[in-house]
């Protein structure tokens, strides 16, 4: 079974995403980018769902670190409550494969994940 990391500082978003994906994937929920990097030392996921707006290290900073490290081949889909042209441009430039706006529908999330794995 393929592994998905969901990284978001909102327990509600983590629970909703996990519920949408847990039947099809091994889902690991993480409340911060720091926790994600700790777990990446032990497990390499097939895809990362990464919130942009987080304290300490935001999604853009985390993606930059992912793409310069040993994890550059892992597809990253951003989760965000706000999307505009600058966010789309920056996401694409940094290497995110897609962006999902919150609140997301469970069906749309599953379809997005399936299309990038």
N, C-alpha and C. Protein backbone atom coordinates (compact mmCIF):
# COMPACT_ATOMS: atom_id res chain seq x y z
N UNK A 1 0.85 -1.19 0.00
CA UNK A 1 0.00 0.00 0.00
C UNK A 1 0.89 1.25 0.00
N UNK A 2 0.53 2.22 -0.84
CA UNK A 2 1.32 3.44 -0.95
C UNK A 2 1.08 4.34 0.27
N UNK A 3 2.13 5.09 0.61
CA UNK A 3 2.10 5.94 1.80
C UNK A 3 1.96 7.41 1.42
N UNK A 4 1.05 8.09 2.12
CA UNK A 4 0.82 9.52 1.93
C UNK A 4 1.11 10.23 3.25
N UNK A 5 1.92 11.30 3.19
CA UNK A 5 2.09 12.17 4.35
C UNK A 5 1.12 13.33 4.17
N UNK A 6 0.38 13.66 5.23
CA UNK A 6 -0.46 14.85 5.24
C UNK A 6 0.13 15.77 6.31
N UNK A 7 0.57 16.95 5.89
CA UNK A 7 1.24 17.88 6.80
C UNK A 7 0.38 19.15 6.88
N UNK A 8 -0.19 19.38 8.06
CA UNK A 8 -1.08 20.53 8.25
C UNK A 8 -1.13 20.83 9.75
N UNK A 9 -1.17 22.11 10.10
CA UNK A 9 -1.23 22.47 11.52
C UNK A 9 -2.65 22.44 12.06
N UNK A 10 -3.63 22.12 11.23
CA UNK A 10 -5.02 22.03 11.66
C UNK A 10 -5.43 20.58 11.86
N UNK A 11 -5.81 20.24 13.09
CA UNK A 11 -6.27 18.88 13.37
C UNK A 11 -7.49 18.52 12.51
N UNK A 12 -8.36 19.49 12.28
CA UNK A 12 -9.57 19.26 11.47
C UNK A 12 -9.19 18.87 10.05
N UNK A 13 -8.26 19.60 9.45
CA UNK A 13 -7.83 19.29 8.08
C UNK A 13 -7.12 17.94 8.01
N UNK A 14 -6.30 17.65 9.02
CA UNK A 14 -5.62 16.34 9.06
C UNK A 14 -6.64 15.21 9.11
N UNK A 15 -7.64 15.35 9.97
CA UNK A 15 -8.65 14.30 10.13
C UNK A 15 -9.48 14.13 8.86
N UNK A 16 -9.86 15.24 8.25
CA UNK A 16 -10.68 15.18 7.04
C UNK A 16 -9.90 14.53 5.89
N UNK A 17 -8.65 14.91 5.72
CA UNK A 17 -7.83 14.33 4.65
C UNK A 17 -7.56 12.85 4.91
N UNK A 18 -7.27 12.51 6.16
CA UNK A 18 -7.02 11.11 6.50
C UNK A 18 -8.27 10.26 6.21
N UNK A 19 -9.42 10.76 6.59
CA UNK A 19 -10.66 10.03 6.37
C UNK A 19 -10.91 9.81 4.87
N UNK A 20 -10.55 10.80 4.04
CA UNK A 20 -10.77 10.69 2.60
C UNK A 20 -9.83 9.68 1.94
N UNK A 21 -8.65 9.46 2.55
CA UNK A 21 -7.61 8.67 1.89
C UNK A 21 -7.30 7.33 2.55
N UNK A 22 -7.73 7.12 3.80
CA UNK A 22 -7.25 5.97 4.57
C UNK A 22 -7.65 4.61 4.02
N UNK A 23 -8.71 4.53 3.25
CA UNK A 23 -9.09 3.23 2.68
C UNK A 23 -8.17 2.81 1.54
N UNK A 24 -7.62 3.78 0.84
CA UNK A 24 -6.79 3.48 -0.33
C UNK A 24 -5.29 3.57 -0.07
N UNK A 25 -4.90 4.26 1.01
CA UNK A 25 -3.49 4.52 1.26
C UNK A 25 -3.13 4.36 2.73
N UNK A 26 -1.85 4.14 2.97
CA UNK A 26 -1.29 4.21 4.32
C UNK A 26 -1.06 5.70 4.58
N UNK A 27 -1.86 6.30 5.46
CA UNK A 27 -1.83 7.74 5.69
C UNK A 27 -1.12 8.05 7.00
N UNK A 28 -0.20 9.01 6.95
CA UNK A 28 0.50 9.47 8.14
C UNK A 28 0.25 10.97 8.26
N UNK A 29 -0.36 11.38 9.38
CA UNK A 29 -0.66 12.80 9.59
C UNK A 29 0.42 13.42 10.47
N UNK A 30 0.83 14.62 10.07
CA UNK A 30 1.91 15.31 10.77
C UNK A 30 1.52 16.78 10.97
N UNK A 31 1.68 17.30 12.19
CA UNK A 31 1.22 18.66 12.49
C UNK A 31 2.18 19.78 12.09
N UNK A 32 3.36 19.43 11.57
CA UNK A 32 4.34 20.46 11.20
C UNK A 32 5.35 19.92 10.20
N UNK A 33 5.99 20.84 9.50
CA UNK A 33 7.04 20.46 8.56
C UNK A 33 8.22 19.83 9.30
N UNK A 34 8.51 20.31 10.49
CA UNK A 34 9.61 19.74 11.28
C UNK A 34 9.36 18.26 11.55
N UNK A 35 8.13 17.92 11.94
CA UNK A 35 7.78 16.51 12.18
C UNK A 35 7.90 15.70 10.89
N UNK A 36 7.53 16.32 9.76
CA UNK A 36 7.65 15.65 8.47
C UNK A 36 9.10 15.30 8.17
N UNK A 37 10.00 16.26 8.38
CA UNK A 37 11.41 15.99 8.09
C UNK A 37 11.98 14.92 9.03
N UNK A 38 11.52 14.89 10.28
CA UNK A 38 11.95 13.83 11.21
C UNK A 38 11.52 12.46 10.67
N UNK A 39 10.28 12.36 10.21
CA UNK A 39 9.77 11.08 9.71
C UNK A 39 10.40 10.70 8.37
N UNK A 40 10.75 11.68 7.56
CA UNK A 40 11.39 11.40 6.27
C UNK A 40 12.73 10.68 6.44
N UNK A 41 13.35 10.81 7.60
CA UNK A 41 14.60 10.10 7.86
C UNK A 41 14.36 8.59 7.95
N UNK A 42 13.11 8.18 8.21
CA UNK A 42 12.78 6.76 8.37
C UNK A 42 11.90 6.20 7.26
N UNK A 43 11.02 7.03 6.72
CA UNK A 43 10.01 6.59 5.74
C UNK A 43 9.99 7.55 4.56
N UNK A 44 9.96 6.99 3.35
CA UNK A 44 9.80 7.82 2.16
C UNK A 44 8.39 7.60 1.62
N UNK A 45 7.56 8.65 1.66
CA UNK A 45 6.18 8.50 1.18
C UNK A 45 6.12 8.53 -0.35
N UNK A 46 4.99 8.13 -0.89
CA UNK A 46 4.78 8.19 -2.33
C UNK A 46 4.28 9.57 -2.76
N UNK A 47 3.73 10.33 -1.79
CA UNK A 47 3.24 11.67 -2.06
C UNK A 47 3.10 12.41 -0.74
N UNK A 48 3.27 13.74 -0.80
CA UNK A 48 3.10 14.58 0.39
C UNK A 48 2.03 15.63 0.09
N UNK A 49 1.03 15.71 0.97
CA UNK A 49 0.06 16.80 0.96
C UNK A 49 0.55 17.80 1.99
N UNK A 50 0.86 19.00 1.54
CA UNK A 50 1.56 19.97 2.39
C UNK A 50 0.82 21.29 2.47
N UNK A 51 0.42 21.66 3.67
CA UNK A 51 -0.23 22.95 3.90
C UNK A 51 0.78 24.07 3.66
N UNK A 52 0.33 25.15 3.04
CA UNK A 52 1.23 26.29 2.80
C UNK A 52 1.36 27.14 4.06
N UNK A 53 0.23 27.45 4.71
CA UNK A 53 0.22 28.37 5.85
C UNK A 53 0.40 27.62 7.16
N UNK A 54 1.64 27.53 7.61
CA UNK A 54 1.94 26.88 8.90
C UNK A 54 2.94 27.74 9.66
N UNK A 55 2.88 27.69 11.00
CA UNK A 55 3.87 28.43 11.79
C UNK A 55 5.23 27.73 11.69
N UNK A 56 6.25 28.39 12.13
CA UNK A 56 7.63 27.90 12.14
C UNK A 56 8.18 27.75 10.72
N UNK A 57 7.79 26.71 9.99
CA UNK A 57 8.24 26.52 8.61
C UNK A 57 7.00 26.39 7.73
N UNK A 58 6.81 27.34 6.80
CA UNK A 58 5.63 27.25 5.95
C UNK A 58 5.86 26.24 4.82
N UNK A 59 4.81 25.99 4.06
CA UNK A 59 4.89 24.99 3.00
C UNK A 59 5.90 25.32 1.92
N UNK A 60 6.03 26.60 1.57
CA UNK A 60 7.02 26.99 0.56
C UNK A 60 8.43 26.67 1.03
N UNK A 61 8.74 27.02 2.28
CA UNK A 61 10.07 26.74 2.84
C UNK A 61 10.31 25.24 2.90
N UNK A 62 9.29 24.47 3.30
CA UNK A 62 9.43 23.02 3.39
C UNK A 62 9.67 22.42 2.00
N UNK A 63 8.94 22.90 1.00
CA UNK A 63 9.11 22.38 -0.36
C UNK A 63 10.50 22.69 -0.90
N UNK A 64 10.99 23.89 -0.63
CA UNK A 64 12.35 24.24 -1.06
C UNK A 64 13.36 23.25 -0.46
N UNK A 65 13.20 22.95 0.81
CA UNK A 65 14.10 22.01 1.49
C UNK A 65 13.95 20.60 0.90
N UNK A 66 12.72 20.19 0.64
CA UNK A 66 12.49 18.86 0.04
C UNK A 66 13.18 18.74 -1.31
N UNK A 67 13.07 19.77 -2.13
CA UNK A 67 13.58 19.72 -3.50
C UNK A 67 15.10 19.83 -3.57
N UNK A 68 15.74 20.27 -2.50
CA UNK A 68 17.20 20.34 -2.51
C UNK A 68 17.81 19.15 -1.77
N UNK A 69 16.97 18.34 -1.16
CA UNK A 69 17.46 17.19 -0.40
C UNK A 69 17.29 15.89 -1.14
N UNK A 70 17.30 14.81 -0.39
CA UNK A 70 17.17 13.47 -0.95
C UNK A 70 15.74 13.14 -1.36
N UNK A 71 14.82 14.06 -1.17
CA UNK A 71 13.41 13.78 -1.37
C UNK A 71 12.83 14.49 -2.59
N UNK A 72 13.69 14.97 -3.49
CA UNK A 72 13.20 15.79 -4.61
C UNK A 72 12.26 15.04 -5.56
N UNK A 73 12.29 13.71 -5.56
CA UNK A 73 11.43 12.94 -6.46
C UNK A 73 10.02 12.73 -5.91
N UNK A 74 9.79 13.05 -4.63
CA UNK A 74 8.47 12.85 -4.03
C UNK A 74 7.53 13.95 -4.53
N UNK A 75 6.39 13.58 -5.15
CA UNK A 75 5.45 14.61 -5.56
C UNK A 75 4.82 15.30 -4.34
N UNK A 76 4.69 16.61 -4.45
CA UNK A 76 4.10 17.41 -3.37
C UNK A 76 2.89 18.15 -3.91
N UNK A 77 1.76 18.01 -3.22
CA UNK A 77 0.53 18.74 -3.53
C UNK A 77 0.30 19.71 -2.38
N UNK A 78 0.18 20.98 -2.71
CA UNK A 78 -0.08 21.98 -1.68
C UNK A 78 -1.56 21.99 -1.30
N UNK A 79 -1.81 22.24 -0.02
CA UNK A 79 -3.15 22.49 0.51
C UNK A 79 -3.15 23.94 0.95
N UNK A 80 -4.16 24.69 0.55
CA UNK A 80 -4.21 26.09 0.95
C UNK A 80 -5.64 26.60 0.99
N UNK A 81 -5.87 27.54 1.89
CA UNK A 81 -7.18 28.17 1.98
C UNK A 81 -7.30 29.34 1.02
N UNK A 82 -6.16 29.86 0.57
CA UNK A 82 -6.13 31.01 -0.32
C UNK A 82 -5.30 30.69 -1.54
N UNK A 83 -5.84 30.97 -2.71
CA UNK A 83 -5.08 30.72 -3.93
C UNK A 83 -5.22 31.93 -4.85
N UNK A 84 -4.10 32.38 -5.37
CA UNK A 84 -4.10 33.46 -6.34
C UNK A 84 -2.95 33.21 -7.31
N UNK A 85 -2.77 34.10 -8.25
CA UNK A 85 -1.76 33.90 -9.29
C UNK A 85 -0.36 33.78 -8.71
N UNK A 86 -0.04 34.57 -7.67
CA UNK A 86 1.32 34.51 -7.11
C UNK A 86 1.57 33.18 -6.41
N UNK A 87 0.56 32.64 -5.74
CA UNK A 87 0.71 31.34 -5.08
C UNK A 87 0.88 30.25 -6.13
N UNK A 88 0.07 30.29 -7.19
CA UNK A 88 0.20 29.31 -8.27
C UNK A 88 1.59 29.36 -8.90
N UNK A 89 2.06 30.58 -9.17
CA UNK A 89 3.36 30.76 -9.80
C UNK A 89 4.49 30.26 -8.90
N UNK A 90 4.46 30.63 -7.64
CA UNK A 90 5.51 30.21 -6.71
C UNK A 90 5.48 28.69 -6.51
N UNK A 91 4.29 28.12 -6.42
CA UNK A 91 4.15 26.67 -6.24
C UNK A 91 4.75 25.93 -7.42
N UNK A 92 4.42 26.38 -8.60
CA UNK A 92 4.93 25.75 -9.82
C UNK A 92 6.44 25.88 -9.91
N UNK A 93 6.95 27.07 -9.62
CA UNK A 93 8.39 27.32 -9.69
C UNK A 93 9.17 26.43 -8.71
N UNK A 94 8.59 26.19 -7.53
CA UNK A 94 9.25 25.37 -6.52
C UNK A 94 9.11 23.87 -6.78
N UNK A 95 8.17 23.50 -7.65
CA UNK A 95 8.05 22.09 -8.00
C UNK A 95 6.85 21.35 -7.45
N UNK A 96 5.85 22.07 -6.90
CA UNK A 96 4.62 21.39 -6.47
C UNK A 96 3.89 20.87 -7.70
N UNK A 97 3.32 19.68 -7.61
CA UNK A 97 2.64 19.09 -8.76
C UNK A 97 1.19 19.55 -8.88
N UNK A 98 0.63 20.09 -7.79
CA UNK A 98 -0.77 20.52 -7.81
C UNK A 98 -1.05 21.35 -6.56
N UNK A 99 -2.22 22.01 -6.56
CA UNK A 99 -2.69 22.77 -5.40
C UNK A 99 -4.16 22.42 -5.19
N UNK A 100 -4.52 22.13 -3.95
CA UNK A 100 -5.91 21.89 -3.59
C UNK A 100 -6.34 22.96 -2.60
N UNK A 101 -7.49 23.57 -2.85
CA UNK A 101 -7.97 24.59 -1.94
C UNK A 101 -8.80 23.96 -0.83
N UNK A 102 -8.65 24.54 0.36
CA UNK A 102 -9.42 24.12 1.53
C UNK A 102 -10.58 25.09 1.71
N UNK A 103 -11.72 24.62 2.09
CA UNK A 103 -12.04 23.23 2.39
C UNK A 103 -12.16 22.42 1.10
N UNK A 104 -11.64 21.20 1.11
CA UNK A 104 -11.65 20.36 -0.08
C UNK A 104 -12.72 19.29 0.06
N UNK A 105 -13.17 18.79 -1.09
CA UNK A 105 -14.10 17.66 -1.05
C UNK A 105 -13.27 16.39 -0.97
N UNK A 106 -13.69 15.41 -0.19
CA UNK A 106 -12.95 14.15 -0.10
C UNK A 106 -12.75 13.49 -1.47
N UNK A 107 -13.74 13.55 -2.33
CA UNK A 107 -13.63 12.95 -3.66
C UNK A 107 -12.57 13.66 -4.49
N UNK A 108 -12.56 14.98 -4.46
CA UNK A 108 -11.56 15.74 -5.22
C UNK A 108 -10.16 15.46 -4.70
N UNK A 109 -10.00 15.35 -3.39
CA UNK A 109 -8.69 15.05 -2.81
C UNK A 109 -8.21 13.69 -3.27
N UNK A 110 -9.06 12.68 -3.20
CA UNK A 110 -8.69 11.34 -3.63
C UNK A 110 -8.33 11.30 -5.11
N UNK A 111 -9.10 11.98 -5.94
CA UNK A 111 -8.81 12.02 -7.37
C UNK A 111 -7.46 12.70 -7.63
N UNK A 112 -7.18 13.77 -6.93
CA UNK A 112 -5.91 14.47 -7.09
C UNK A 112 -4.74 13.57 -6.70
N UNK A 113 -4.84 12.94 -5.55
CA UNK A 113 -3.77 12.06 -5.08
C UNK A 113 -3.55 10.92 -6.09
N UNK A 114 -4.63 10.30 -6.52
CA UNK A 114 -4.52 9.19 -7.48
C UNK A 114 -3.87 9.64 -8.79
N UNK A 115 -4.14 10.86 -9.21
CA UNK A 115 -3.57 11.34 -10.48
C UNK A 115 -2.06 11.61 -10.41
N UNK A 116 -1.53 11.78 -9.20
CA UNK A 116 -0.10 12.10 -9.05
C UNK A 116 0.74 10.95 -8.53
N UNK A 117 0.13 9.81 -8.27
CA UNK A 117 0.90 8.66 -7.79
C UNK A 117 1.11 7.70 -8.93
